[in-house]
Amino acid sequence: MIIFVGRSNVGKSTLIFALTGKWVKRGKRPGVTRRPVEVNWRNRKVIDMPGFGFMSGLPKAKQEKIKDEIVRFIEENAEEIELAVLVLDGKAAPEIIERWEKRGEMPIDVEFYAFLQELGIPTIVAVNKVDRVKNLDATLNYLAEKFGVPAPKMYQVFVPVSAKFGRNVDVLARKIWESLERNQRTSNTT
């Protein structure tokens, strides 16, 4: 099973469509996906998870409930999850991270990455909407530093994409399958 997780409105559903060709409900407003949605891709389950964070038209308590359900789903299915793709909005993520840090809080994207690592779930970070990013190298370096990913490993973890325009979607697909193969070999040797 491959899960796609991230904030609301970062392009998870659009990215799944770009990768798999399978239609999943998408919208311009945050919070269109409110329950896990499953599609099949090359004999693998791909799960489009609801976004965490702001969801248009939903009270804060309901948004928190959805976030708790996402965490519970991942914890209960951790053994079956072969890979997580954490999707970020490449333009907005640095601003959001800075805003959270100024409040003395751990940014939720960073916290979510750490959560996936604690569970031992291999994770690729798809930095989406790169068509809007002015200095991609600076953005990727910034994100790698905030996520605690060492520079030599940065391009194994972070993949810049534009789901809307199909940019680097093939690179992400290759990285996903390479990761699945690598993890399959590792689990077969243990």
N, C-alpha and C. Protein backbone atom coordinates (compact mmCIF):
# COMPACT_ATOMS: atom_id res chain seq x y z
N MET A 1 0.85 -1.18 0.00
CA MET A 1 0.00 0.00 0.00
C MET A 1 0.90 1.25 0.00
N ILE A 2 0.52 2.23 -0.82
CA ILE A 2 1.21 3.51 -0.89
C ILE A 2 0.21 4.56 -0.45
N ILE A 3 0.60 5.39 0.52
CA ILE A 3 -0.31 6.45 0.95
C ILE A 3 0.23 7.81 0.52
N PHE A 4 -0.68 8.69 0.15
CA PHE A 4 -0.36 10.07 -0.17
C PHE A 4 -0.96 10.93 0.93
N VAL A 5 -0.09 11.64 1.64
CA VAL A 5 -0.52 12.46 2.78
C VAL A 5 0.00 13.88 2.61
N GLY A 6 -0.58 14.79 3.35
CA GLY A 6 -0.13 16.18 3.34
C GLY A 6 -1.25 17.11 3.73
N ARG A 7 -0.90 18.39 3.80
CA ARG A 7 -1.88 19.42 4.11
C ARG A 7 -3.01 19.41 3.08
N SER A 8 -4.08 20.08 3.43
CA SER A 8 -5.17 20.28 2.48
C SER A 8 -4.68 21.17 1.34
N ASN A 9 -5.15 20.86 0.15
CA ASN A 9 -4.95 21.70 -1.03
C ASN A 9 -3.49 21.79 -1.51
N VAL A 10 -2.71 20.73 -1.28
CA VAL A 10 -1.32 20.72 -1.78
C VAL A 10 -1.22 19.97 -3.11
N GLY A 11 -2.31 19.31 -3.53
CA GLY A 11 -2.31 18.62 -4.81
C GLY A 11 -2.13 17.12 -4.74
N LYS A 12 -2.49 16.51 -3.62
CA LYS A 12 -2.36 15.05 -3.49
C LYS A 12 -3.18 14.31 -4.55
N SER A 13 -4.44 14.68 -4.65
CA SER A 13 -5.34 14.00 -5.60
C SER A 13 -4.90 14.24 -7.04
N THR A 14 -4.50 15.46 -7.35
CA THR A 14 -4.03 15.77 -8.71
C THR A 14 -2.77 14.98 -9.02
N LEU A 15 -1.89 14.85 -8.04
CA LEU A 15 -0.66 14.09 -8.24
C LEU A 15 -0.96 12.61 -8.45
N ILE A 16 -1.89 12.06 -7.70
CA ILE A 16 -2.27 10.66 -7.89
C ILE A 16 -2.83 10.47 -9.30
N PHE A 17 -3.66 11.39 -9.76
CA PHE A 17 -4.20 11.31 -11.12
C PHE A 17 -3.07 11.37 -12.15
N ALA A 18 -2.12 12.30 -11.95
CA ALA A 18 -1.00 12.44 -12.89
C ALA A 18 -0.15 11.18 -12.94
N LEU A 19 0.02 10.52 -11.81
CA LEU A 19 0.83 9.30 -11.73
C LEU A 19 0.10 8.09 -12.29
N THR A 20 -1.15 7.92 -11.89
CA THR A 20 -1.85 6.67 -12.14
C THR A 20 -2.83 6.73 -13.31
N GLY A 21 -3.26 7.94 -13.65
CA GLY A 21 -4.31 8.08 -14.66
C GLY A 21 -5.68 7.74 -14.12
N LYS A 22 -5.75 7.45 -12.83
CA LYS A 22 -7.03 7.11 -12.19
C LYS A 22 -7.65 8.37 -11.62
N TRP A 23 -8.90 8.59 -11.94
CA TRP A 23 -9.60 9.79 -11.49
C TRP A 23 -9.91 9.69 -10.01
N VAL A 24 -9.53 10.73 -9.30
CA VAL A 24 -9.93 10.88 -7.90
C VAL A 24 -10.50 12.29 -7.78
N LYS A 25 -11.50 12.44 -6.95
CA LYS A 25 -12.16 13.73 -6.80
C LYS A 25 -11.15 14.80 -6.41
N ARG A 26 -11.18 15.91 -7.16
CA ARG A 26 -10.26 17.02 -6.91
C ARG A 26 -11.05 18.32 -6.90
N GLY A 27 -10.49 19.31 -6.24
CA GLY A 27 -11.15 20.61 -6.22
C GLY A 27 -10.18 21.73 -5.91
N LYS A 28 -10.61 22.95 -6.13
CA LYS A 28 -9.77 24.11 -5.85
C LYS A 28 -9.81 24.47 -4.37
N ARG A 29 -10.86 24.07 -3.66
CA ARG A 29 -10.99 24.37 -2.23
C ARG A 29 -10.27 23.32 -1.41
N PRO A 30 -9.70 23.72 -0.26
CA PRO A 30 -9.12 22.73 0.64
C PRO A 30 -10.20 21.82 1.22
N GLY A 31 -9.87 20.56 1.38
CA GLY A 31 -10.77 19.66 2.09
C GLY A 31 -11.76 18.91 1.23
N VAL A 32 -11.49 18.77 -0.08
CA VAL A 32 -12.40 18.00 -0.93
C VAL A 32 -12.36 16.52 -0.54
N THR A 33 -11.16 15.99 -0.29
CA THR A 33 -11.02 14.60 0.14
C THR A 33 -11.21 14.55 1.66
N ARG A 34 -12.26 13.86 2.10
CA ARG A 34 -12.55 13.83 3.55
C ARG A 34 -12.41 12.43 4.14
N ARG A 35 -12.25 11.44 3.28
CA ARG A 35 -12.03 10.06 3.72
C ARG A 35 -10.95 9.47 2.83
N PRO A 36 -10.24 8.44 3.29
CA PRO A 36 -9.27 7.79 2.41
C PRO A 36 -9.95 7.26 1.15
N VAL A 37 -9.34 7.53 0.00
CA VAL A 37 -9.86 7.07 -1.28
C VAL A 37 -8.81 6.14 -1.88
N GLU A 38 -9.24 4.97 -2.30
CA GLU A 38 -8.31 3.96 -2.81
C GLU A 38 -8.43 3.81 -4.32
N VAL A 39 -7.27 3.77 -4.98
CA VAL A 39 -7.21 3.42 -6.40
C VAL A 39 -6.11 2.36 -6.55
N ASN A 40 -6.15 1.63 -7.63
CA ASN A 40 -5.11 0.64 -7.89
C ASN A 40 -4.16 1.16 -8.95
N TRP A 41 -2.89 0.90 -8.75
CA TRP A 41 -1.85 1.33 -9.69
C TRP A 41 -0.80 0.23 -9.73
N ARG A 42 -0.68 -0.40 -10.88
CA ARG A 42 0.31 -1.46 -11.07
C ARG A 42 0.25 -2.51 -9.94
N ASN A 43 -0.93 -2.98 -9.67
CA ASN A 43 -1.16 -4.01 -8.64
C ASN A 43 -0.82 -3.56 -7.23
N ARG A 44 -0.87 -2.27 -6.98
CA ARG A 44 -0.66 -1.72 -5.64
C ARG A 44 -1.86 -0.85 -5.28
N LYS A 45 -2.22 -0.88 -4.01
CA LYS A 45 -3.23 0.04 -3.51
C LYS A 45 -2.57 1.39 -3.30
N VAL A 46 -3.19 2.44 -3.81
CA VAL A 46 -2.75 3.81 -3.58
C VAL A 46 -3.88 4.49 -2.82
N ILE A 47 -3.55 5.04 -1.67
CA ILE A 47 -4.56 5.67 -0.82
C ILE A 47 -4.35 7.18 -0.81
N ASP A 48 -5.37 7.89 -1.24
CA ASP A 48 -5.39 9.35 -1.18
C ASP A 48 -6.02 9.71 0.16
N MET A 49 -5.17 10.19 1.08
CA MET A 49 -5.64 10.52 2.42
C MET A 49 -6.20 11.94 2.45
N PRO A 50 -7.16 12.19 3.34
CA PRO A 50 -7.64 13.57 3.49
C PRO A 50 -6.47 14.46 3.91
N GLY A 51 -6.57 15.72 3.57
CA GLY A 51 -5.54 16.66 3.97
C GLY A 51 -5.68 17.03 5.43
N PHE A 52 -4.56 17.34 6.06
CA PHE A 52 -4.63 17.84 7.42
C PHE A 52 -4.46 19.34 7.39
N GLY A 53 -5.03 20.00 8.36
CA GLY A 53 -4.98 21.46 8.38
C GLY A 53 -6.31 22.03 7.95
N PHE A 54 -6.28 23.25 7.43
CA PHE A 54 -7.51 23.97 7.09
C PHE A 54 -8.33 23.24 6.04
N MET A 55 -9.64 23.16 6.29
CA MET A 55 -10.58 22.60 5.33
C MET A 55 -11.75 23.55 5.22
N SER A 56 -11.97 24.02 4.04
CA SER A 56 -13.01 25.02 3.79
C SER A 56 -14.37 24.54 4.29
N GLY A 57 -15.01 25.38 5.09
CA GLY A 57 -16.37 25.11 5.54
C GLY A 57 -16.50 24.13 6.70
N LEU A 58 -15.38 23.66 7.25
CA LEU A 58 -15.47 22.73 8.37
C LEU A 58 -15.03 23.40 9.66
N PRO A 59 -15.77 23.16 10.74
CA PRO A 59 -15.34 23.72 12.03
C PRO A 59 -14.01 23.09 12.49
N LYS A 60 -13.29 23.83 13.31
CA LYS A 60 -11.97 23.40 13.80
C LYS A 60 -12.02 22.01 14.44
N ALA A 61 -13.07 21.73 15.22
CA ALA A 61 -13.19 20.43 15.90
C ALA A 61 -13.27 19.30 14.88
N LYS A 62 -13.99 19.49 13.79
CA LYS A 62 -14.11 18.47 12.74
C LYS A 62 -12.77 18.29 12.03
N GLN A 63 -12.05 19.40 11.81
CA GLN A 63 -10.73 19.33 11.19
C GLN A 63 -9.78 18.51 12.07
N GLU A 64 -9.82 18.72 13.37
CA GLU A 64 -8.98 17.97 14.31
C GLU A 64 -9.36 16.49 14.31
N LYS A 65 -10.65 16.22 14.22
CA LYS A 65 -11.12 14.83 14.19
C LYS A 65 -10.57 14.11 12.95
N ILE A 66 -10.59 14.80 11.81
CA ILE A 66 -10.07 14.20 10.58
C ILE A 66 -8.57 13.94 10.72
N LYS A 67 -7.83 14.89 11.31
CA LYS A 67 -6.39 14.70 11.53
C LYS A 67 -6.15 13.48 12.43
N ASP A 68 -6.94 13.34 13.50
CA ASP A 68 -6.81 12.17 14.38
C ASP A 68 -7.09 10.88 13.62
N GLU A 69 -8.10 10.91 12.72
CA GLU A 69 -8.43 9.72 11.93
C GLU A 69 -7.29 9.35 10.98
N ILE A 70 -6.61 10.36 10.42
CA ILE A 70 -5.47 10.11 9.54
C ILE A 70 -4.37 9.41 10.33
N VAL A 71 -4.05 9.94 11.50
CA VAL A 71 -3.00 9.36 12.35
C VAL A 71 -3.37 7.93 12.73
N ARG A 72 -4.61 7.72 13.15
CA ARG A 72 -5.06 6.38 13.54
C ARG A 72 -4.97 5.41 12.37
N PHE A 73 -5.41 5.83 11.18
CA PHE A 73 -5.33 4.99 9.99
C PHE A 73 -3.89 4.56 9.73
N ILE A 74 -2.97 5.51 9.80
CA ILE A 74 -1.56 5.21 9.53
C ILE A 74 -1.00 4.28 10.59
N GLU A 75 -1.29 4.54 11.85
CA GLU A 75 -0.79 3.68 12.93
C GLU A 75 -1.34 2.26 12.80
N GLU A 76 -2.63 2.13 12.51
CA GLU A 76 -3.25 0.81 12.41
C GLU A 76 -2.81 0.04 11.17
N ASN A 77 -2.36 0.74 10.13
CA ASN A 77 -1.97 0.10 8.88
C ASN A 77 -0.48 0.18 8.59
N ALA A 78 0.31 0.60 9.57
CA ALA A 78 1.75 0.84 9.36
C ALA A 78 2.46 -0.38 8.76
N GLU A 79 2.09 -1.57 9.17
CA GLU A 79 2.74 -2.79 8.66
C GLU A 79 2.47 -3.00 7.17
N GLU A 80 1.31 -2.56 6.71
CA GLU A 80 0.94 -2.74 5.30
C GLU A 80 1.41 -1.59 4.41
N ILE A 81 1.75 -0.45 5.01
CA ILE A 81 2.15 0.71 4.23
C ILE A 81 3.60 0.53 3.79
N GLU A 82 3.76 0.35 2.49
CA GLU A 82 5.10 0.15 1.93
C GLU A 82 5.84 1.46 1.72
N LEU A 83 5.06 2.53 1.51
CA LEU A 83 5.67 3.82 1.20
C LEU A 83 4.65 4.92 1.46
N ALA A 84 5.14 6.04 1.99
CA ALA A 84 4.32 7.24 2.12
C ALA A 84 4.89 8.30 1.19
N VAL A 85 4.01 9.00 0.52
CA VAL A 85 4.41 10.16 -0.27
C VAL A 85 3.79 11.37 0.44
N LEU A 86 4.64 12.15 1.09
CA LEU A 86 4.21 13.36 1.77
C LEU A 86 4.27 14.49 0.74
N VAL A 87 3.14 15.07 0.44
CA VAL A 87 3.06 16.10 -0.60
C VAL A 87 3.05 17.47 0.06
N LEU A 88 3.94 18.34 -0.40
CA LEU A 88 4.02 19.72 0.08
C LEU A 88 3.73 20.67 -1.07
N ASP A 89 3.22 21.84 -0.75
CA ASP A 89 3.12 22.93 -1.72
C ASP A 89 4.46 23.64 -1.67
N GLY A 90 5.26 23.51 -2.72
CA GLY A 90 6.63 24.03 -2.73
C GLY A 90 6.72 25.52 -2.48
N LYS A 91 5.73 26.27 -2.90
CA LYS A 91 5.75 27.72 -2.68
C LYS A 91 5.34 28.07 -1.25
N ALA A 92 4.29 27.44 -0.76
CA ALA A 92 3.72 27.80 0.55
C ALA A 92 4.46 27.16 1.73
N ALA A 93 5.05 25.98 1.55
CA ALA A 93 5.64 25.25 2.69
C ALA A 93 6.66 26.07 3.48
N PRO A 94 7.64 26.73 2.84
CA PRO A 94 8.60 27.51 3.64
C PRO A 94 7.94 28.61 4.47
N GLU A 95 6.94 29.28 3.88
CA GLU A 95 6.23 30.34 4.61
C GLU A 95 5.47 29.76 5.80
N ILE A 96 4.82 28.64 5.60
CA ILE A 96 4.05 28.00 6.66
C ILE A 96 4.98 27.53 7.78
N ILE A 97 6.10 26.92 7.41
CA ILE A 97 7.06 26.44 8.40
C ILE A 97 7.56 27.61 9.24
N GLU A 98 7.93 28.71 8.60
CA GLU A 98 8.40 29.89 9.34
C GLU A 98 7.33 30.43 10.28
N ARG A 99 6.09 30.49 9.82
CA ARG A 99 4.99 30.99 10.64
C ARG A 99 4.81 30.14 11.89
N TRP A 100 4.84 28.81 11.73
CA TRP A 100 4.69 27.92 12.88
C TRP A 100 5.86 28.09 13.85
N GLU A 101 7.07 28.17 13.31
CA GLU A 101 8.26 28.31 14.17
C GLU A 101 8.25 29.62 14.94
N LYS A 102 7.75 30.68 14.32
CA LYS A 102 7.65 31.97 15.02
C LYS A 102 6.70 31.90 16.21
N ARG A 103 5.71 31.02 16.13
CA ARG A 103 4.78 30.81 17.24
C ARG A 103 5.35 29.83 18.27
N GLY A 104 6.57 29.34 18.01
CA GLY A 104 7.19 28.37 18.92
C GLY A 104 6.63 26.97 18.80
N GLU A 105 6.02 26.67 17.66
CA GLU A 105 5.42 25.35 17.44
C GLU A 105 6.19 24.60 16.37
N MET A 106 6.13 23.27 16.46
CA MET A 106 6.74 22.45 15.41
C MET A 106 5.80 22.46 14.20
N PRO A 107 6.31 22.82 13.03
CA PRO A 107 5.46 22.82 11.83
C PRO A 107 4.88 21.44 11.57
N ILE A 108 3.60 21.41 11.25
CA ILE A 108 2.89 20.14 11.12
C ILE A 108 3.48 19.26 10.02
N ASP A 109 3.98 19.85 8.93
CA ASP A 109 4.58 19.04 7.87
C ASP A 109 5.84 18.33 8.38
N VAL A 110 6.65 19.05 9.12
CA VAL A 110 7.87 18.50 9.70
C VAL A 110 7.51 17.42 10.72
N GLU A 111 6.52 17.71 11.55
CA GLU A 111 6.06 16.75 12.56
C GLU A 111 5.53 15.48 11.90
N PHE A 112 4.81 15.64 10.79
CA PHE A 112 4.24 14.49 10.11
C PHE A 112 5.33 13.62 9.50
N TYR A 113 6.35 14.25 8.93
CA TYR A 113 7.48 13.50 8.38
C TYR A 113 8.16 12.70 9.50
N ALA A 114 8.38 13.34 10.65
CA ALA A 114 9.01 12.66 11.79
C ALA A 114 8.13 11.49 12.26
N PHE A 115 6.82 11.68 12.27
CA PHE A 115 5.88 10.63 12.66
C PHE A 115 6.01 9.41 11.74
N LEU A 116 6.08 9.65 10.44
CA LEU A 116 6.23 8.55 9.48
C LEU A 116 7.56 7.83 9.69
N GLN A 117 8.62 8.59 9.98
CA GLN A 117 9.94 8.00 10.21
C GLN A 117 9.93 7.16 11.49
N GLU A 118 9.28 7.65 12.54
CA GLU A 118 9.18 6.89 13.80
C GLU A 118 8.48 5.55 13.59
N LEU A 119 7.50 5.53 12.69
CA LEU A 119 6.79 4.28 12.41
C LEU A 119 7.57 3.38 11.45
N GLY A 120 8.71 3.88 10.95
CA GLY A 120 9.52 3.09 10.04
C GLY A 120 8.95 3.01 8.63
N ILE A 121 8.14 3.98 8.26
CA ILE A 121 7.53 3.98 6.94
C ILE A 121 8.43 4.77 5.99
N PRO A 122 8.98 4.11 4.97
CA PRO A 122 9.79 4.85 3.99
C PRO A 122 8.96 5.99 3.40
N THR A 123 9.59 7.16 3.25
CA THR A 123 8.84 8.35 2.84
C THR A 123 9.58 9.12 1.76
N ILE A 124 8.83 9.49 0.74
CA ILE A 124 9.30 10.41 -0.29
C ILE A 124 8.51 11.70 -0.09
N VAL A 125 9.18 12.84 -0.16
CA VAL A 125 8.50 14.13 -0.06
C VAL A 125 8.38 14.70 -1.47
N ALA A 126 7.14 14.76 -1.97
CA ALA A 126 6.89 15.35 -3.28
C ALA A 126 6.64 16.84 -3.08
N VAL A 127 7.59 17.64 -3.54
CA VAL A 127 7.46 19.10 -3.42
C VAL A 127 6.72 19.56 -4.67
N ASN A 128 5.41 19.74 -4.50
CA ASN A 128 4.52 20.02 -5.62
C ASN A 128 4.43 21.52 -5.90
N LYS A 129 3.85 21.84 -7.04
CA LYS A 129 3.61 23.22 -7.46
C LYS A 129 4.92 23.99 -7.66
N VAL A 130 5.96 23.28 -8.13
CA VAL A 130 7.26 23.93 -8.32
C VAL A 130 7.23 24.96 -9.44
N ASP A 131 6.19 24.93 -10.26
CA ASP A 131 6.05 25.95 -11.29
C ASP A 131 5.89 27.35 -10.68
N ARG A 132 5.54 27.40 -9.40
CA ARG A 132 5.36 28.68 -8.69
C ARG A 132 6.57 29.07 -7.85
N VAL A 133 7.58 28.19 -7.78
CA VAL A 133 8.74 28.42 -6.91
C VAL A 133 9.81 29.19 -7.70
N LYS A 134 10.27 30.29 -7.12
CA LYS A 134 11.27 31.13 -7.79
C LYS A 134 12.67 30.52 -7.74
N ASN A 135 13.12 30.05 -6.58
CA ASN A 135 14.46 29.48 -6.43
C ASN A 135 14.33 28.07 -5.87
N LEU A 136 14.23 27.11 -6.78
CA LEU A 136 13.97 25.72 -6.38
C LEU A 136 15.08 25.14 -5.51
N ASP A 137 16.34 25.36 -5.89
CA ASP A 137 17.44 24.82 -5.09
C ASP A 137 17.41 25.35 -3.66
N ALA A 138 17.19 26.64 -3.50
CA ALA A 138 17.12 27.23 -2.15
C ALA A 138 15.95 26.64 -1.37
N THR A 139 14.82 26.45 -2.04
CA THR A 139 13.64 25.88 -1.37
C THR A 139 13.91 24.44 -0.93
N LEU A 140 14.50 23.62 -1.81
CA LEU A 140 14.80 22.23 -1.45
C LEU A 140 15.82 22.16 -0.32
N ASN A 141 16.85 23.00 -0.36
CA ASN A 141 17.84 23.03 0.72
C ASN A 141 17.20 23.43 2.04
N TYR A 142 16.32 24.43 2.00
CA TYR A 142 15.61 24.89 3.20
C TYR A 142 14.77 23.75 3.79
N LEU A 143 14.00 23.10 2.93
CA LEU A 143 13.13 22.01 3.39
C LEU A 143 13.95 20.85 3.96
N ALA A 144 15.04 20.50 3.28
CA ALA A 144 15.89 19.41 3.77
C ALA A 144 16.43 19.74 5.16
N GLU A 145 16.85 20.98 5.35
CA GLU A 145 17.35 21.38 6.66
C GLU A 145 16.26 21.28 7.72
N LYS A 146 15.07 21.79 7.43
CA LYS A 146 13.96 21.78 8.40
C LYS A 146 13.50 20.36 8.71
N PHE A 147 13.57 19.47 7.72
CA PHE A 147 13.13 18.08 7.91
C PHE A 147 14.25 17.21 8.49
N GLY A 148 15.44 17.78 8.62
CA GLY A 148 16.56 17.02 9.18
C GLY A 148 17.12 15.99 8.21
N VAL A 149 17.01 16.26 6.93
CA VAL A 149 17.52 15.33 5.91
C VAL A 149 18.89 15.83 5.47
N PRO A 150 19.95 15.02 5.65
CA PRO A 150 21.29 15.46 5.26
C PRO A 150 21.39 15.71 3.75
N ALA A 151 22.23 16.68 3.38
CA ALA A 151 22.37 17.09 1.97
C ALA A 151 22.60 15.91 1.01
N PRO A 152 23.48 14.94 1.34
CA PRO A 152 23.69 13.85 0.37
C PRO A 152 22.42 13.03 0.09
N LYS A 153 21.50 13.01 1.04
CA LYS A 153 20.28 12.21 0.90
C LYS A 153 19.10 13.03 0.36
N MET A 154 19.32 14.34 0.21
CA MET A 154 18.22 15.25 -0.13
C MET A 154 17.45 14.83 -1.38
N TYR A 155 18.15 14.49 -2.45
CA TYR A 155 17.45 14.16 -3.69
C TYR A 155 16.89 12.74 -3.72
N GLN A 156 17.19 11.94 -2.70
CA GLN A 156 16.51 10.65 -2.56
C GLN A 156 15.16 10.85 -1.90
N VAL A 157 15.07 11.85 -1.02
CA VAL A 157 13.85 12.09 -0.24
C VAL A 157 12.93 13.10 -0.93
N PHE A 158 13.48 14.22 -1.39
CA PHE A 158 12.68 15.31 -1.96
C PHE A 158 12.66 15.22 -3.49
N VAL A 159 11.45 15.25 -4.04
CA VAL A 159 11.28 15.21 -5.49
C VAL A 159 10.42 16.40 -5.90
N PRO A 160 11.01 17.36 -6.63
CA PRO A 160 10.23 18.51 -7.08
C PRO A 160 9.33 18.10 -8.25
N VAL A 161 8.04 18.43 -8.15
CA VAL A 161 7.07 18.08 -9.19
C VAL A 161 6.07 19.22 -9.40
N SER A 162 5.42 19.16 -10.53
CA SER A 162 4.23 19.98 -10.77
C SER A 162 3.18 19.02 -11.32
N ALA A 163 2.30 18.56 -10.44
CA ALA A 163 1.26 17.61 -10.85
C ALA A 163 0.37 18.21 -11.92
N LYS A 164 0.03 19.47 -11.77
CA LYS A 164 -0.87 20.14 -12.70
C LYS A 164 -0.31 20.17 -14.13
N PHE A 165 1.01 20.36 -14.25
CA PHE A 165 1.63 20.48 -15.56
C PHE A 165 2.44 19.24 -15.94
N GLY A 166 2.43 18.21 -15.10
CA GLY A 166 3.11 16.95 -15.41
C GLY A 166 4.63 17.00 -15.28
N ARG A 167 5.16 18.05 -14.67
CA ARG A 167 6.61 18.19 -14.56
C ARG A 167 7.17 17.23 -13.51
N ASN A 168 8.14 16.43 -13.94
CA ASN A 168 8.86 15.48 -13.08
C ASN A 168 7.98 14.38 -12.47
N VAL A 169 6.76 14.22 -12.98
CA VAL A 169 5.90 13.15 -12.47
C VAL A 169 6.53 11.80 -12.77
N ASP A 170 7.19 11.69 -13.93
CA ASP A 170 7.89 10.46 -14.29
C ASP A 170 9.05 10.18 -13.34
N VAL A 171 9.73 11.23 -12.89
CA VAL A 171 10.83 11.08 -11.93
C VAL A 171 10.28 10.57 -10.60
N LEU A 172 9.16 11.14 -10.16
CA LEU A 172 8.53 10.68 -8.92
C LEU A 172 8.11 9.22 -9.04
N ALA A 173 7.49 8.86 -10.17
CA ALA A 173 7.07 7.46 -10.37
C ALA A 173 8.27 6.52 -10.28
N ARG A 174 9.37 6.90 -10.92
CA ARG A 174 10.58 6.07 -10.87
C ARG A 174 11.09 5.94 -9.43
N LYS A 175 11.10 7.04 -8.69
CA LYS A 175 11.57 7.00 -7.29
C LYS A 175 10.66 6.14 -6.42
N ILE A 176 9.37 6.21 -6.68
CA ILE A 176 8.42 5.38 -5.92
C ILE A 176 8.73 3.90 -6.15
N TRP A 177 8.88 3.50 -7.42
CA TRP A 177 9.12 2.08 -7.72
C TRP A 177 10.50 1.63 -7.27
N GLU A 178 11.50 2.50 -7.36
CA GLU A 178 12.83 2.17 -6.83
C GLU A 178 12.77 1.94 -5.33
N SER A 179 12.04 2.80 -4.63
CA SER A 179 11.90 2.67 -3.18
C SER A 179 11.18 1.37 -2.82
N LEU A 180 10.11 1.06 -3.54
CA LEU A 180 9.37 -0.18 -3.28
C LEU A 180 10.25 -1.40 -3.51
N GLU A 181 11.03 -1.36 -4.60
CA GLU A 181 11.95 -2.48 -4.88
C GLU A 181 13.01 -2.62 -3.79
N ARG A 182 13.62 -1.50 -3.41
CA ARG A 182 14.65 -1.50 -2.37
C ARG A 182 14.09 -2.04 -1.06
N ASN A 183 12.89 -1.59 -0.70
CA ASN A 183 12.27 -2.05 0.55
C ASN A 183 11.87 -3.51 0.47
N GLN A 184 11.47 -3.96 -0.72
CA GLN A 184 11.12 -5.37 -0.91
C GLN A 184 12.36 -6.26 -0.72
N ARG A 185 13.48 -5.82 -1.29
CA ARG A 185 14.73 -6.59 -1.13
C ARG A 185 15.15 -6.63 0.32
N THR A 186 15.00 -5.49 1.01
CA THR A 186 15.39 -5.42 2.43
C THR A 186 14.55 -6.34 3.28
N SER A 187 13.22 -6.36 3.01
CA SER A 187 12.34 -7.21 3.82
C SER A 187 12.55 -8.69 3.48
N ASN A 188 12.98 -9.00 2.27
CA ASN A 188 13.24 -10.39 1.92
C ASN A 188 14.52 -10.93 2.55
N THR A 189 15.44 -10.04 2.91
CA THR A 189 16.70 -10.49 3.51
C THR A 189 16.64 -10.56 5.03
N THR A 190 15.54 -10.06 5.61
CA THR A 190 15.42 -10.11 7.08
C THR A 190 14.60 -11.27 7.53
